[in-house]
Amino acid sequence: MLNATNTVLTERFYDIEWRKCRLSLLYYLTNYIFIQDRIRQEIVKWEPWAHLCQLVKLVQDWHAQPVPRRPLYVIIFKSRQVGASTTLSAIANWLVSFFESSKVIEQSENERVAEEMLERSRFINEHHPSFLKLTLNPNTNDVLGIPATNSKIIILPTTEDAGRSTDATMVACDEWEKHRNAKEGFAALKPAMAKGGLFIGASTVDKSNIDSFPKEVWREAKQGKNGFVPLFWDYFVVPGRTTETYQLDTKSLSD
């Protein structure tokens, strides 16, 4: 009798936790996202740094709208190692794991880096507790399918017409300034986003290219002309970084 009671209580706990995760992206990230810290050589929990929570709130508010939603366009210029790529992968996991018929498109500067984005999502799922871990099928270098929700994450090349005539819940462009066809690629994807999707273009700043399409988007966003939300995450947004750590981290780099 005691074992049966414990089983019921455990199942009830799992159900409550699943519902909390579905309801709150921040709760899901804070409690159930584990990532690989290659420097410390550890598996660590996602940390709710203030700049990441700013993005999380934007996504949560967008998703909480009644359908059809207003589309959300976000551009992020950032320093390196500020948690952006991992957070984008975790947001993708949240959408495809808890909501029916979600489709996330991921792009990066080349196929290898895009596959790393998909690998982060695969790692996140594999390190969930059993009640959150989902079967992946297909589970390949370019597609992660979630049969339980009829959802998937796919990677697309950064060609001019990639994404044309497709639909998507979310499009994540990592290192957007390095995309060979950033302007044409966005034009191909925008019709799908206009129906109420989420677009996030994130990139470290390429100082050698002052006329890139993402910089054009950024300038117009700052002027309130294009509907994008501009976010800037410099080196110091990560807790613990100081002028001293900056000097140590950059002393071997060119100006």
C-alpha atoms as a PDB file:
ATOM      1  CA  MET A   1       0.000   0.000   0.000  1.00  0.00           C
ATOM      2  CA  LEU A   2       2.842   2.356   0.878  1.00  0.00           C
ATOM      3  CA  ASN A   3       4.605   1.670  -2.419  1.00  0.00           C
ATOM      4  CA  ALA A   4       1.401   2.368  -4.352  1.00  0.00           C
ATOM      5  CA  THR A   5       0.953   5.660  -2.486  1.00  0.00           C
ATOM      6  CA  ASN A   6       4.544   6.653  -3.202  1.00  0.00           C
ATOM      7  CA  THR A   7       4.059   5.841  -6.882  1.00  0.00           C
ATOM      8  CA  VAL A   8       0.956   8.025  -7.076  1.00  0.00           C
ATOM      9  CA  LEU A   9       2.731  10.894  -5.318  1.00  0.00           C
ATOM     10  CA  THR A  10       5.735  10.575  -7.632  1.00  0.00           C
ATOM     11  CA  GLU A  11       3.564  10.584 -10.727  1.00  0.00           C
ATOM     12  CA  ARG A  12       1.674  13.592  -9.414  1.00  0.00           C
ATOM     13  CA  PHE A  13       4.963  15.411  -8.776  1.00  0.00           C
ATOM     14  CA  TYR A  14       6.152  14.630 -12.309  1.00  0.00           C
ATOM     15  CA  ASP A  15       2.878  15.885 -13.763  1.00  0.00           C
ATOM     16  CA  ILE A  16       3.073  19.123 -11.767  1.00  0.00           C
ATOM     17  CA  GLU A  17       6.699  19.688 -12.805  1.00  0.00           C
ATOM     18  CA  TRP A  18       5.882  19.037 -16.461  1.00  0.00           C
ATOM     19  CA  ARG A  19       3.073  21.582 -16.297  1.00  0.00           C
ATOM     20  CA  LYS A  20       5.330  24.148 -14.601  1.00  0.00           C
ATOM     21  CA  CYS A  21       7.909  23.717 -17.357  1.00  0.00           C
ATOM     22  CA  ARG A  22       5.295  24.096 -20.063  1.00  0.00           C
ATOM     23  CA  LEU A  23       3.866  27.198 -18.429  1.00  0.00           C
ATOM     24  CA  SER A  24       7.171  28.945 -17.716  1.00  0.00           C
ATOM     25  CA  LEU A  25      10.211  28.984 -19.981  1.00  0.00           C
ATOM     26  CA  LEU A  26      12.281  30.460 -17.153  1.00  0.00           C
ATOM     27  CA  TYR A  27      11.260  27.679 -14.763  1.00  0.00           C
ATOM     28  CA  TYR A  28      12.228  25.067 -17.355  1.00  0.00           C
ATOM     29  CA  LEU A  29      15.588  26.687 -18.056  1.00  0.00           C
ATOM     30  CA  THR A  30      16.484  27.249 -14.428  1.00  0.00           C
ATOM     31  CA  ASN A  31      15.535  23.800 -13.171  1.00  0.00           C
ATOM     32  CA  TYR A  32      16.066  21.376 -16.025  1.00  0.00           C
ATOM     33  CA  ILE A  33      18.636  22.701 -18.489  1.00  0.00           C
ATOM     34  CA  PHE A  34      22.146  21.312 -18.175  1.00  0.00           C
ATOM     35  CA  ILE A  35      24.966  22.410 -20.454  1.00  0.00           C
ATOM     36  CA  GLN A  36      28.569  21.466 -21.139  1.00  0.00           C
ATOM     37  CA  ASP A  37      31.154  23.901 -19.824  1.00  0.00           C
ATOM     38  CA  ARG A  38      34.159  23.063 -21.974  1.00  0.00           C
ATOM     39  CA  ILE A  39      36.517  25.310 -20.008  1.00  0.00           C
ATOM     40  CA  ARG A  40      35.674  23.859 -16.606  1.00  0.00           C
ATOM     41  CA  GLN A  41      35.160  20.413 -18.183  1.00  0.00           C
ATOM     42  CA  GLU A  42      31.903  19.995 -16.320  1.00  0.00           C
ATOM     43  CA  ILE A  43      28.196  19.599 -16.928  1.00  0.00           C
ATOM     44  CA  VAL A  44      26.576  22.586 -15.255  1.00  0.00           C
ATOM     45  CA  LYS A  45      23.131  24.091 -14.851  1.00  0.00           C
ATOM     46  CA  TRP A  46      21.981  26.959 -17.041  1.00  0.00           C
ATOM     47  CA  GLU A  47      22.318  30.177 -15.077  1.00  0.00           C
ATOM     48  CA  PRO A  48      19.652  32.927 -15.102  1.00  0.00           C
ATOM     49  CA  TRP A  49      21.969  35.808 -15.899  1.00  0.00           C
ATOM     50  CA  ALA A  50      20.116  39.102 -16.246  1.00  0.00           C
ATOM     51  CA  HIS A  51      20.743  39.539 -19.974  1.00  0.00           C
ATOM     52  CA  LEU A  52      19.536  36.007 -20.733  1.00  0.00           C
ATOM     53  CA  CYS A  53      16.420  36.542 -18.623  1.00  0.00           C
ATOM     54  CA  GLN A  54      15.680  39.627 -20.721  1.00  0.00           C
ATOM     55  CA  LEU A  55      15.507  37.436 -23.818  1.00  0.00           C
ATOM     56  CA  VAL A  56      13.558  34.741 -21.977  1.00  0.00           C
ATOM     57  CA  LYS A  57      10.906  37.284 -20.950  1.00  0.00           C
ATOM     58  CA  LEU A  58      10.561  38.504 -24.533  1.00  0.00           C
ATOM     59  CA  VAL A  59      10.026  34.938 -25.735  1.00  0.00           C
ATOM     60  CA  GLN A  60       7.617  34.116 -22.901  1.00  0.00           C
ATOM     61  CA  ASP A  61       5.515  37.223 -23.567  1.00  0.00           C
ATOM     62  CA  TRP A  62       5.461  36.443 -27.283  1.00  0.00           C
ATOM     63  CA  HIS A  63       4.356  32.856 -26.684  1.00  0.00           C
ATOM     64  CA  ALA A  64       1.690  33.852 -24.142  1.00  0.00           C
ATOM     65  CA  GLN A  65      -0.233  35.853 -26.746  1.00  0.00           C
ATOM     66  CA  PRO A  66      -3.453  34.393 -28.096  1.00  0.00           C
ATOM     67  CA  VAL A  67      -3.111  32.775 -31.495  1.00  0.00           C
ATOM     68  CA  PRO A  68      -2.550  34.216 -34.040  1.00  0.00           C
ATOM     69  CA  ARG A  69       0.356  35.904 -32.294  1.00  0.00           C
ATOM     70  CA  ARG A  70       2.128  39.048 -33.302  1.00  0.00           C
ATOM     71  CA  PRO A  71       5.546  38.059 -34.669  1.00  0.00           C
ATOM     72  CA  LEU A  72       8.619  38.788 -32.583  1.00  0.00           C
ATOM     73  CA  TYR A  73      11.893  39.800 -34.217  1.00  0.00           C
ATOM     74  CA  VAL A  74      15.016  40.065 -32.055  1.00  0.00           C
ATOM     75  CA  ILE A  75      18.567  41.022 -33.031  1.00  0.00           C
ATOM     76  CA  ILE A  76      21.403  40.452 -30.586  1.00  0.00           C
ATOM     77  CA  PHE A  77      24.919  41.803 -30.949  1.00  0.00           C
ATOM     78  CA  LYS A  78      27.101  40.201 -28.336  1.00  0.00           C
ATOM     79  CA  SER A  79      30.500  39.386 -26.965  1.00  0.00           C
ATOM     80  CA  ARG A  80      31.757  35.819 -26.970  1.00  0.00           C
ATOM     81  CA  GLN A  81      30.804  33.266 -24.336  1.00  0.00           C
ATOM     82  CA  VAL A  82      27.775  35.085 -22.934  1.00  0.00           C
ATOM     83  CA  GLY A  83      25.387  32.110 -23.073  1.00  0.00           C
ATOM     84  CA  ALA A  84      23.514  33.076 -26.222  1.00  0.00           C
ATOM     85  CA  SER A  85      23.920  29.920 -28.310  1.00  0.00           C
ATOM     86  CA  THR A  86      23.027  27.579 -25.467  1.00  0.00           C
ATOM     87  CA  THR A  87      19.980  29.633 -24.552  1.00  0.00           C
ATOM     88  CA  LEU A  88      18.757  29.627 -28.158  1.00  0.00           C
ATOM     89  CA  SER A  89      19.051  25.830 -28.214  1.00  0.00           C
ATOM     90  CA  ALA A  90      17.187  25.559 -24.903  1.00  0.00           C
ATOM     91  CA  ILE A  91      14.376  27.797 -26.154  1.00  0.00           C
ATOM     92  CA  ALA A  92      14.110  25.542 -29.209  1.00  0.00           C
ATOM     93  CA  ASN A  93      13.835  22.517 -26.915  1.00  0.00           C
ATOM     94  CA  TRP A  94      11.076  24.152 -24.884  1.00  0.00           C
ATOM     95  CA  LEU A  95       8.970  24.832 -27.962  1.00  0.00           C
ATOM     96  CA  VAL A  96       9.260  21.384 -29.524  1.00  0.00           C
ATOM     97  CA  SER A  97       9.038  19.454 -26.234  1.00  0.00           C
ATOM     98  CA  PHE A  98       5.920  21.019 -24.730  1.00  0.00           C
ATOM     99  CA  PHE A  99       3.853  22.250 -27.673  1.00  0.00           C
ATOM    100  CA  GLU A 100       2.249  20.417 -30.555  1.00  0.00           C
ATOM    101  CA  SER A 101       3.334  20.889 -34.161  1.00  0.00           C
ATOM    102  CA  SER A 102       6.266  23.192 -33.430  1.00  0.00           C
ATOM    103  CA  LYS A 103       9.014  23.644 -35.976  1.00  0.00           C
ATOM    104  CA  VAL A 104      12.328  25.331 -35.231  1.00  0.00           C
ATOM    105  CA  ILE A 105      14.802  26.244 -37.951  1.00  0.00           C
ATOM    106  CA  GLU A 106      18.427  26.788 -36.936  1.00  0.00           C
ATOM    107  CA  GLN A 107      21.145  28.358 -39.062  1.00  0.00           C
ATOM    108  CA  SER A 108      24.748  29.301 -38.413  1.00  0.00           C
ATOM    109  CA  GLU A 109      27.766  30.419 -40.378  1.00  0.00           C
ATOM    110  CA  ASN A 110      28.374  26.950 -41.822  1.00  0.00           C
ATOM    111  CA  GLU A 111      26.996  23.433 -41.664  1.00  0.00           C
ATOM    112  CA  ARG A 112      29.412  22.254 -38.979  1.00  0.00           C
ATOM    113  CA  VAL A 113      28.483  25.041 -36.554  1.00  0.00           C
ATOM    114  CA  ALA A 114      24.785  24.540 -37.296  1.00  0.00           C
ATOM    115  CA  GLU A 115      25.172  20.867 -36.426  1.00  0.00           C
ATOM    116  CA  GLU A 116      26.689  21.950 -33.097  1.00  0.00           C
ATOM    117  CA  MET A 117      23.506  23.911 -32.398  1.00  0.00           C
ATOM    118  CA  LEU A 118      21.481  20.762 -33.003  1.00  0.00           C
ATOM    119  CA  GLU A 119      23.872  18.769 -30.830  1.00  0.00           C
ATOM    120  CA  ARG A 120      23.191  21.160 -27.929  1.00  0.00           C
ATOM    121  CA  SER A 121      19.486  20.421 -28.191  1.00  0.00           C
ATOM    122  CA  ARG A 122      20.222  16.698 -28.312  1.00  0.00           C
ATOM    123  CA  PHE A 123      22.443  16.979 -25.218  1.00  0.00           C
ATOM    124  CA  ILE A 124      19.758  18.936 -23.347  1.00  0.00           C
ATOM    125  CA  ASN A 125      17.153  16.245 -24.012  1.00  0.00           C
ATOM    126  CA  GLU A 126      19.525  13.427 -23.069  1.00  0.00           C
ATOM    127  CA  HIS A 127      20.214  15.051 -19.704  1.00  0.00           C
ATOM    128  CA  HIS A 128      16.596  15.560 -18.740  1.00  0.00           C
ATOM    129  CA  PRO A 129      15.119  13.446 -15.963  1.00  0.00           C
ATOM    130  CA  SER A 130      13.119  10.488 -17.246  1.00  0.00           C
ATOM    131  CA  PHE A 131       9.745  12.237 -17.072  1.00  0.00           C
ATOM    132  CA  LEU A 132      10.964  15.003 -19.412  1.00  0.00           C
ATOM    133  CA  LYS A 133      13.236  12.996 -21.710  1.00  0.00           C
ATOM    134  CA  LEU A 134      11.642  12.379 -25.087  1.00  0.00           C
ATOM    135  CA  THR A 135      12.253   9.880 -27.849  1.00  0.00           C
ATOM    136  CA  LEU A 136      13.988  11.484 -30.831  1.00  0.00           C
ATOM    137  CA  ASN A 137      12.997  10.271 -34.284  1.00  0.00           C
ATOM    138  CA  PRO A 138      14.495  11.135 -36.674  1.00  0.00           C
ATOM    139  CA  ASN A 139      17.745  11.816 -34.870  1.00  0.00           C
ATOM    140  CA  THR A 140      20.268  12.838 -37.506  1.00  0.00           C
ATOM    141  CA  ASN A 141      22.856  15.545 -38.141  1.00  0.00           C
ATOM    142  CA  ASP A 142      20.244  17.877 -39.587  1.00  0.00           C
ATOM    143  CA  VAL A 143      16.916  16.914 -37.969  1.00  0.00           C
ATOM    144  CA  LEU A 144      15.704  16.183 -34.451  1.00  0.00           C
ATOM    145  CA  GLY A 145      12.135  14.933 -34.476  1.00  0.00           C
ATOM    146  CA  ILE A 146       9.864  14.745 -31.416  1.00  0.00           C
ATOM    147  CA  PRO A 147       7.108  12.188 -32.190  1.00  0.00           C
ATOM    148  CA  ALA A 148       5.343  12.880 -28.872  1.00  0.00           C
ATOM    149  CA  THR A 149       4.490  16.433 -29.992  1.00  0.00           C
ATOM    150  CA  ASN A 150       4.785  16.037 -33.786  1.00  0.00           C
ATOM    151  CA  SER A 151       7.499  18.703 -33.634  1.00  0.00           C
ATOM    152  CA  LYS A 152      11.043  19.037 -34.934  1.00  0.00           C
ATOM    153  CA  ILE A 153      14.226  21.086 -35.029  1.00  0.00           C
ATOM    154  CA  ILE A 154      15.993  21.292 -38.368  1.00  0.00           C
ATOM    155  CA  ILE A 155      19.088  23.024 -39.675  1.00  0.00           C
ATOM    156  CA  LEU A 156      19.093  24.785 -43.016  1.00  0.00           C
ATOM    157  CA  PRO A 157      22.001  26.046 -45.124  1.00  0.00           C
ATOM    158  CA  THR A 158      22.584  29.784 -45.386  1.00  0.00           C
ATOM    159  CA  THR A 159      21.702  29.935 -49.061  1.00  0.00           C
ATOM    160  CA  GLU A 160      19.597  32.639 -50.695  1.00  0.00           C
ATOM    161  CA  ASP A 161      16.417  30.586 -50.873  1.00  0.00           C
ATOM    162  CA  ALA A 162      16.793  28.386 -47.769  1.00  0.00           C
ATOM    163  CA  GLY A 163      13.498  28.429 -45.934  1.00  0.00           C
ATOM    164  CA  ARG A 164      11.458  29.746 -48.837  1.00  0.00           C
ATOM    165  CA  SER A 165       7.919  28.333 -48.932  1.00  0.00           C
ATOM    166  CA  THR A 166       8.327  26.788 -45.490  1.00  0.00           C
ATOM    167  CA  ASP A 167       6.695  27.559 -42.167  1.00  0.00           C
ATOM    168  CA  ALA A 168       8.283  27.794 -38.737  1.00  0.00           C
ATOM    169  CA  THR A 169       7.479  28.530 -35.127  1.00  0.00           C
ATOM    170  CA  MET A 170      10.989  29.865 -34.512  1.00  0.00           C
ATOM    171  CA  VAL A 171      14.021  30.704 -36.611  1.00  0.00           C
ATOM    172  CA  ALA A 172      17.372  31.075 -34.824  1.00  0.00           C
ATOM    173  CA  CYS A 173      20.293  32.514 -36.802  1.00  0.00           C
ATOM    174  CA  ASP A 174      23.518  32.188 -34.838  1.00  0.00           C
ATOM    175  CA  GLU A 175      26.534  34.280 -35.931  1.00  0.00           C
ATOM    176  CA  TRP A 176      24.209  36.095 -38.281  1.00  0.00           C
ATOM    177  CA  GLU A 177      26.871  38.526 -39.532  1.00  0.00           C
ATOM    178  CA  LYS A 178      28.852  35.618 -40.946  1.00  0.00           C
ATOM    179  CA  HIS A 179      25.980  34.277 -43.056  1.00  0.00           C
ATOM    180  CA  ARG A 180      26.897  34.583 -46.704  1.00  0.00           C
ATOM    181  CA  ASN A 181      23.364  35.468 -47.781  1.00  0.00           C
ATOM    182  CA  ALA A 182      21.935  37.039 -44.631  1.00  0.00           C
ATOM    183  CA  LYS A 183      19.679  39.531 -46.423  1.00  0.00           C
ATOM    184  CA  GLU A 184      18.311  37.091 -48.989  1.00  0.00           C
ATOM    185  CA  GLY A 185      17.933  34.364 -46.377  1.00  0.00           C
ATOM    186  CA  PHE A 186      15.897  36.628 -44.114  1.00  0.00           C
ATOM    187  CA  ALA A 187      13.722  37.677 -47.046  1.00  0.00           C
ATOM    188  CA  ALA A 188      13.023  33.992 -47.756  1.00  0.00           C
ATOM    189  CA  LEU A 189      12.075  33.298 -44.130  1.00  0.00           C
ATOM    190  CA  LYS A 190      10.166  36.476 -43.279  1.00  0.00           C
ATOM    191  CA  PRO A 191       6.792  35.457 -44.780  1.00  0.00           C
ATOM    192  CA  ALA A 192       6.662  32.495 -42.380  1.00  0.00           C
ATOM    193  CA  MET A 193       7.609  34.733 -39.444  1.00  0.00           C
ATOM    194  CA  ALA A 194       4.986  37.331 -40.367  1.00  0.00           C
ATOM    195  CA  LYS A 195       2.268  34.808 -39.484  1.00  0.00           C
ATOM    196  CA  GLY A 196       3.247  35.058 -35.830  1.00  0.00           C
ATOM    197  CA  GLY A 197       6.627  33.377 -35.530  1.00  0.00           C
ATOM    198  CA  LEU A 198       9.755  34.119 -33.537  1.00  0.00           C
ATOM    199  CA  PHE A 199      12.973  35.217 -35.243  1.00  0.00           C
ATOM    200  CA  ILE A 200      16.224  35.658 -33.312  1.00  0.00           C
ATOM    201  CA  GLY A 201      19.390  36.770 -35.097  1.00  0.00           C
ATOM    202  CA  ALA A 202      22.433  36.728 -32.817  1.00  0.00           C
ATOM    203  CA  SER A 203      26.029  37.532 -33.670  1.00  0.00           C
ATOM    204  CA  THR A 204      29.358  38.672 -32.390  1.00  0.00           C
ATOM    205  CA  VAL A 205      30.217  42.006 -33.979  1.00  0.00           C
ATOM    206  CA  ASP A 206      32.265  41.829 -37.176  1.00  0.00           C
ATOM    207  CA  LYS A 207      34.168  45.124 -37.076  1.00  0.00           C
ATOM    208  CA  SER A 208      35.563  44.526 -40.555  1.00  0.00           C
ATOM    209  CA  ASN A 209      32.107  44.734 -42.158  1.00  0.00           C
ATOM    210  CA  ILE A 210      30.327  47.962 -41.277  1.00  0.00           C
ATOM    211  CA  ASP A 211      27.689  47.538 -43.993  1.00  0.00           C
ATOM    212  CA  SER A 212      26.456  44.049 -43.212  1.00  0.00           C
ATOM    213  CA  PHE A 213      22.740  43.300 -43.349  1.00  0.00           C
ATOM    214  CA  PRO A 214      22.511  42.576 -39.590  1.00  0.00           C
ATOM    215  CA  LYS A 215      24.103  45.985 -38.869  1.00  0.00           C
ATOM    216  CA  GLU A 216      21.511  47.581 -41.155  1.00  0.00           C
ATOM    217  CA  VAL A 217      18.792  45.772 -39.198  1.00  0.00           C
ATOM    218  CA  TRP A 218      20.395  46.926 -35.924  1.00  0.00           C
ATOM    219  CA  ARG A 219      20.532  50.583 -36.939  1.00  0.00           C
ATOM    220  CA  GLU A 220      16.911  50.575 -38.053  1.00  0.00           C
ATOM    221  CA  ALA A 221      15.878  48.726 -34.891  1.00  0.00           C
ATOM    222  CA  LYS A 222      17.526  51.378 -32.719  1.00  0.00           C
ATOM    223  CA  GLN A 223      15.555  53.993 -34.669  1.00  0.00           C
ATOM    224  CA  GLY A 224      12.308  52.070 -34.203  1.00  0.00           C
ATOM    225  CA  LYS A 225      11.847  51.553 -37.939  1.00  0.00           C
ATOM    226  CA  ASN A 226      11.666  47.804 -38.502  1.00  0.00           C
ATOM    227  CA  GLY A 227       9.977  46.163 -35.506  1.00  0.00           C
ATOM    228  CA  PHE A 228      13.110  44.367 -34.291  1.00  0.00           C
ATOM    229  CA  VAL A 229      13.987  44.385 -30.596  1.00  0.00           C
ATOM    230  CA  PRO A 230      17.729  45.232 -30.350  1.00  0.00           C
ATOM    231  CA  LEU A 231      19.769  43.685 -27.526  1.00  0.00           C
ATOM    232  CA  PHE A 232      23.452  44.361 -26.890  1.00  0.00           C
ATOM    233  CA  TRP A 233      25.394  41.985 -24.646  1.00  0.00           C
ATOM    234  CA  ASP A 234      28.959  43.095 -24.049  1.00  0.00           C
ATOM    235  CA  TYR A 235      31.747  41.214 -22.284  1.00  0.00           C
ATOM    236  CA  PHE A 236      30.714  42.470 -18.870  1.00  0.00           C
ATOM    237  CA  VAL A 237      27.145  41.118 -18.842  1.00  0.00           C
ATOM    238  CA  VAL A 238      28.432  37.822 -17.436  1.00  0.00           C
ATOM    239  CA  PRO A 239      28.673  37.963 -13.615  1.00  0.00           C
ATOM    240  CA  GLY A 240      32.238  37.906 -12.326  1.00  0.00           C
ATOM    241  CA  ARG A 241      33.808  39.562 -15.347  1.00  0.00           C
ATOM    242  CA  THR A 242      35.843  42.641 -14.551  1.00  0.00           C
ATOM    243  CA  THR A 243      38.337  44.964 -16.188  1.00  0.00           C
ATOM    244  CA  GLU A 244      41.079  42.683 -14.903  1.00  0.00           C
ATOM    245  CA  THR A 245      39.527  39.536 -16.399  1.00  0.00           C
ATOM    246  CA  TYR A 246      38.945  41.411 -19.659  1.00  0.00           C
ATOM    247  CA  GLN A 247      42.626  42.309 -19.877  1.00  0.00           C
ATOM    248  CA  LEU A 248      43.617  38.717 -19.199  1.00  0.00           C
ATOM    249  CA  ASP A 249      41.147  37.331 -21.739  1.00  0.00           C
ATOM    250  CA  THR A 250      42.143  39.734 -24.515  1.00  0.00           C
ATOM    251  CA  LYS A 251      45.840  40.383 -23.981  1.00  0.00           C
ATOM    252  CA  SER A 252      46.883  37.947 -26.727  1.00  0.00           C
ATOM    253  CA  LEU A 253      44.353  39.267 -29.248  1.00  0.00           C
ATOM    254  CA  SER A 254      44.919  41.923 -31.883  1.00  0.00           C
ATOM    255  CA  ASP A 255      43.199  45.305 -31.537  1.00  0.00           C
END
